[in-house]
Amino acid sequence: MKSDVVKELLDCGVFAVIRANSVEEARKLSVAASDGGIKGLEVTLTVPGALEVIESLAKEKTDKFIVGAGTVLDAATARMAILKGAKFIVAPNFDKETCEMCNLYGVPYVAGCFTITEMVNALKAGVEIIKVFPGSAVEPKFLKAIHGPLPQANVMPTGGVNLDNVKEWIKCGAVAVGTGSDLTAPAKTGDYAAVTAKAKEFVRLVKEAREGK
């Protein structure tokens, strides 16, 4: 069920944005992030062989993680990813046709928005999680401003989220965060254990922020 997937993703509160130069690297990053407790694995379609990665992860039939596709710009690509096993679709933009395709297959669509107008259009179309992108262009208090007119919006910043500011994002109203380079940087030197350690820290800090610590 679409709502079940959304609940699981938000319960964890951290999405790992998987960008890599090969299928092998993407798989290693995905496993490292999952071992650290991150539930949502967003395999970006900029990865060479991304659909192969999504398909192989989806076949593992585990409850440790939920695999999705990122950087999905159109409905046709969304359908391909869903048929390969993607359980959620993430985009840097909001596209009505992509949203309709995801609704057709019962798959959550995390749409990238930056303005109130974009967010309202996304909510009208049935988007359940709005990705504030690029998060690096604003401060966490931007989310408080959004929740003035749109208190019902589930917003998730991606871009610019790191271990130093993740608690502030959550305390300012983020239902989750997306993290890419800050999480995966150690993999550039082959240190996947450090990626797992960072993943654990992200999950811990989100939990603490939600508990008011």
Protein backbone atom coordinates (compact mmCIF):
# COMPACT_ATOMS: atom_id res chain seq x y z
CA MET A 1 0.00 0.00 0.00
CA LYS A 2 1.19 3.49 -0.88
CA SER A 3 0.42 4.82 2.60
CA ASP A 4 2.36 1.98 4.24
CA VAL A 5 5.49 2.82 2.25
CA VAL A 6 5.17 6.51 3.15
CA LYS A 7 4.78 5.62 6.83
CA GLU A 8 7.87 3.38 6.84
CA LEU A 9 9.97 6.00 5.07
CA LEU A 10 8.88 8.77 7.42
CA ASP A 11 9.27 6.61 10.53
CA CYS A 12 12.98 6.40 9.75
CA GLY A 13 13.16 9.99 8.55
CA VAL A 14 16.30 9.68 6.44
CA PHE A 15 16.63 9.07 2.70
CA ALA A 16 20.04 8.13 1.29
CA VAL A 17 20.60 9.70 -2.12
CA ILE A 18 22.73 7.15 -3.97
CA ARG A 19 24.90 8.69 -6.66
CA ALA A 20 27.71 6.53 -8.03
CA ASN A 21 29.84 5.86 -11.09
CA SER A 22 29.00 2.17 -11.45
CA VAL A 23 26.51 -0.52 -10.55
CA GLU A 24 28.95 -2.05 -8.06
CA GLU A 25 29.58 1.26 -6.30
CA ALA A 26 25.87 2.02 -6.11
CA ARG A 27 25.16 -1.39 -4.58
CA LYS A 28 27.94 -0.99 -2.01
CA LEU A 29 26.66 2.46 -1.06
CA SER A 30 23.11 1.15 -0.74
CA VAL A 31 24.19 -1.71 1.53
CA ALA A 32 26.37 0.60 3.64
CA ALA A 33 23.52 3.12 4.13
CA SER A 34 21.04 0.35 4.93
CA ASP A 35 23.43 -1.25 7.43
CA GLY A 36 23.42 2.11 9.21
CA GLY A 37 19.65 2.03 9.59
CA ILE A 38 18.55 4.23 6.69
CA LYS A 39 15.29 2.91 5.27
CA GLY A 40 14.84 4.89 2.05
CA LEU A 41 17.43 4.20 -0.65
CA GLU A 42 17.01 6.66 -3.52
CA VAL A 43 19.04 5.28 -6.42
CA THR A 44 19.40 8.21 -8.80
CA LEU A 45 18.91 7.52 -12.49
CA THR A 46 22.13 9.43 -13.18
CA VAL A 47 23.94 6.28 -12.02
CA PRO A 48 25.09 4.14 -14.98
CA GLY A 49 22.95 1.00 -14.80
CA ALA A 50 20.62 2.53 -12.21
CA LEU A 51 17.65 0.38 -13.25
CA GLU A 52 19.80 -2.73 -12.83
CA VAL A 53 20.70 -1.60 -9.30
CA ILE A 54 17.05 -0.95 -8.45
CA GLU A 55 16.00 -4.33 -9.82
CA SER A 56 18.67 -6.24 -7.88
CA LEU A 57 17.91 -4.45 -4.61
CA ALA A 58 14.16 -4.92 -5.06
CA LYS A 59 14.64 -8.67 -5.51
CA GLU A 60 16.22 -9.00 -2.05
CA LYS A 61 12.75 -8.99 -0.44
CA THR A 62 14.01 -7.53 2.83
CA ASP A 63 12.36 -5.19 5.30
CA LYS A 64 15.71 -3.52 6.06
CA PHE A 65 15.28 -0.97 3.29
CA ILE A 66 12.90 0.35 0.66
CA VAL A 67 14.42 1.02 -2.74
CA GLY A 68 13.26 3.92 -4.88
CA ALA A 69 14.37 5.85 -7.94
CA GLY A 70 15.62 9.42 -7.93
CA THR A 71 16.15 12.16 -10.52
CA VAL A 72 13.02 10.94 -12.32
CA LEU A 73 12.02 13.69 -14.74
CA ASP A 74 9.13 12.18 -16.69
CA ALA A 75 6.31 9.67 -16.54
CA ALA A 76 7.90 7.13 -18.91
CA THR A 77 11.04 6.92 -16.76
CA ALA A 78 8.94 6.62 -13.61
CA ARG A 79 7.08 3.65 -15.13
CA MET A 80 10.33 1.93 -16.09
CA ALA A 81 11.68 2.33 -12.57
CA ILE A 82 8.43 1.11 -10.98
CA LEU A 83 8.41 -1.99 -13.20
CA LYS A 84 11.98 -2.71 -12.08
CA GLY A 85 10.80 -2.64 -8.47
CA ALA A 86 11.09 0.98 -7.28
CA LYS A 87 8.72 1.49 -4.36
CA PHE A 88 8.90 5.30 -4.45
CA ILE A 89 9.83 7.93 -7.02
CA VAL A 90 11.79 11.10 -6.29
CA ALA A 91 12.21 14.10 -8.58
CA PRO A 92 13.99 17.46 -8.39
CA ASN A 93 10.84 18.99 -9.87
CA PHE A 94 7.07 18.56 -9.88
CA ASP A 95 5.65 17.00 -13.03
CA LYS A 96 1.90 16.35 -13.23
CA GLU A 97 2.18 13.43 -15.68
CA THR A 98 4.79 11.72 -13.52
CA CYS A 99 2.54 12.19 -10.51
CA GLU A 100 -0.38 10.62 -12.38
CA MET A 101 1.79 7.65 -13.39
CA CYS A 102 2.84 7.09 -9.78
CA ASN A 103 -0.77 7.37 -8.61
CA LEU A 104 -1.78 4.82 -11.24
CA TYR A 105 0.71 2.29 -9.83
CA GLY A 106 0.10 3.20 -6.19
CA VAL A 107 3.68 4.41 -5.69
CA PRO A 108 4.56 7.52 -3.62
CA TYR A 109 5.89 10.46 -5.62
CA VAL A 110 8.30 12.75 -3.78
CA ALA A 111 8.23 15.91 -5.86
CA GLY A 112 10.82 18.66 -5.78
CA CYS A 113 9.37 22.10 -5.10
CA PHE A 114 10.71 25.45 -4.03
CA THR A 115 7.82 27.92 -4.14
CA ILE A 116 4.44 27.91 -2.41
CA THR A 117 2.75 27.79 -5.83
CA GLU A 118 4.65 24.63 -6.79
CA MET A 119 3.83 23.07 -3.44
CA VAL A 120 0.12 23.83 -3.71
CA ASN A 121 0.02 22.33 -7.21
CA ALA A 122 1.83 19.23 -5.95
CA LEU A 123 -0.55 18.82 -3.00
CA LYS A 124 -3.57 19.19 -5.31
CA ALA A 125 -2.17 16.38 -7.48
CA GLY A 126 -1.83 14.05 -4.48
CA VAL A 127 1.87 14.39 -3.62
CA GLU A 128 2.36 13.19 -0.02
CA ILE A 129 5.98 14.26 0.51
CA ILE A 130 7.34 17.51 -0.87
CA LYS A 131 11.08 17.65 -1.42
CA VAL A 132 12.39 21.16 -0.73
CA PHE A 133 15.16 21.38 -3.29
CA PRO A 134 17.79 22.65 -3.26
CA GLY A 135 17.82 22.75 0.54
CA SER A 136 21.26 24.35 0.41
CA ALA A 137 19.68 27.53 -0.94
CA VAL A 138 17.66 28.16 2.22
CA GLU A 139 17.91 27.88 6.00
CA PRO A 140 15.91 25.41 8.13
CA LYS A 141 13.59 28.23 9.27
CA PHE A 142 12.35 28.36 5.65
CA LEU A 143 10.25 25.30 6.57
CA LYS A 144 8.56 27.24 9.36
CA ALA A 145 7.58 29.88 6.80
CA ILE A 146 6.12 27.19 4.53
CA HIS A 147 4.07 25.74 7.36
CA GLY A 148 2.43 29.11 7.93
CA PRO A 149 0.14 28.83 4.89
CA LEU A 150 0.62 25.07 4.42
CA PRO A 151 0.65 23.42 7.88
CA GLN A 152 -0.50 20.14 6.34
CA ALA A 153 2.48 19.80 3.98
CA ASN A 154 5.00 17.03 4.60
CA VAL A 155 8.27 18.69 3.62
CA MET A 156 11.68 17.09 3.27
CA PRO A 157 14.83 19.10 2.52
CA THR A 158 17.45 17.58 0.24
CA GLY A 159 20.74 19.22 -0.58
CA GLY A 160 22.82 20.92 2.08
CA VAL A 161 21.65 18.57 4.85
CA ASN A 162 24.51 17.38 7.03
CA LEU A 163 25.23 16.06 10.53
CA ASP A 164 25.69 19.60 11.82
CA ASN A 165 22.27 20.90 10.78
CA VAL A 166 20.02 17.82 10.51
CA LYS A 167 18.51 18.29 13.98
CA GLU A 168 17.64 21.90 13.17
CA TRP A 169 15.86 20.83 9.97
CA ILE A 170 13.75 18.35 11.94
CA LYS A 171 13.00 20.84 14.71
CA CYS A 172 11.89 23.36 12.08
CA GLY A 173 9.29 20.96 10.72
CA ALA A 174 10.95 18.54 8.29
CA VAL A 175 9.22 15.13 8.28
CA ALA A 176 12.43 13.62 6.89
CA VAL A 177 15.70 14.61 5.25
CA GLY A 178 17.51 13.52 2.12
CA THR A 179 21.28 13.29 2.30
CA GLY A 180 23.70 12.53 -0.49
CA SER A 181 27.30 13.71 -0.65
CA ASP A 182 27.63 14.32 3.09
CA LEU A 183 26.66 10.70 3.75
CA THR A 184 28.47 9.03 0.88
CA ALA A 185 31.73 11.04 0.72
CA PRO A 186 33.85 8.39 2.51
CA ALA A 187 33.09 5.94 -0.31
CA LYS A 188 35.34 7.96 -2.60
CA THR A 189 38.29 6.43 -0.75
CA GLY A 190 36.61 3.04 -0.43
CA ASP A 191 35.64 3.52 3.21
CA TYR A 192 32.12 2.10 3.19
CA ALA A 193 32.28 1.42 6.94
CA ALA A 194 32.43 5.19 7.44
CA VAL A 195 29.29 5.55 5.31
CA THR A 196 27.52 3.10 7.63
CA ALA A 197 28.76 5.04 10.67
CA LYS A 198 27.47 8.30 9.20
CA ALA A 199 24.13 6.68 8.39
CA LYS A 200 23.77 5.57 12.01
CA GLU A 201 24.53 9.10 13.15
CA PHE A 202 21.93 10.63 10.81
CA VAL A 203 19.27 8.20 12.07
CA ARG A 204 20.21 8.86 15.70
CA LEU A 205 20.14 12.64 15.33
CA VAL A 206 16.74 12.60 13.60
CA LYS A 207 15.35 10.45 16.42
CA GLU A 208 16.80 12.78 19.06
CA ALA A 209 15.41 15.89 17.35
CA ARG A 210 11.96 14.33 17.22
CA GLU A 211 12.20 13.59 20.93
CA GLY A 212 13.07 17.23 21.60
CA LYS A 213 16.67 16.53 22.58
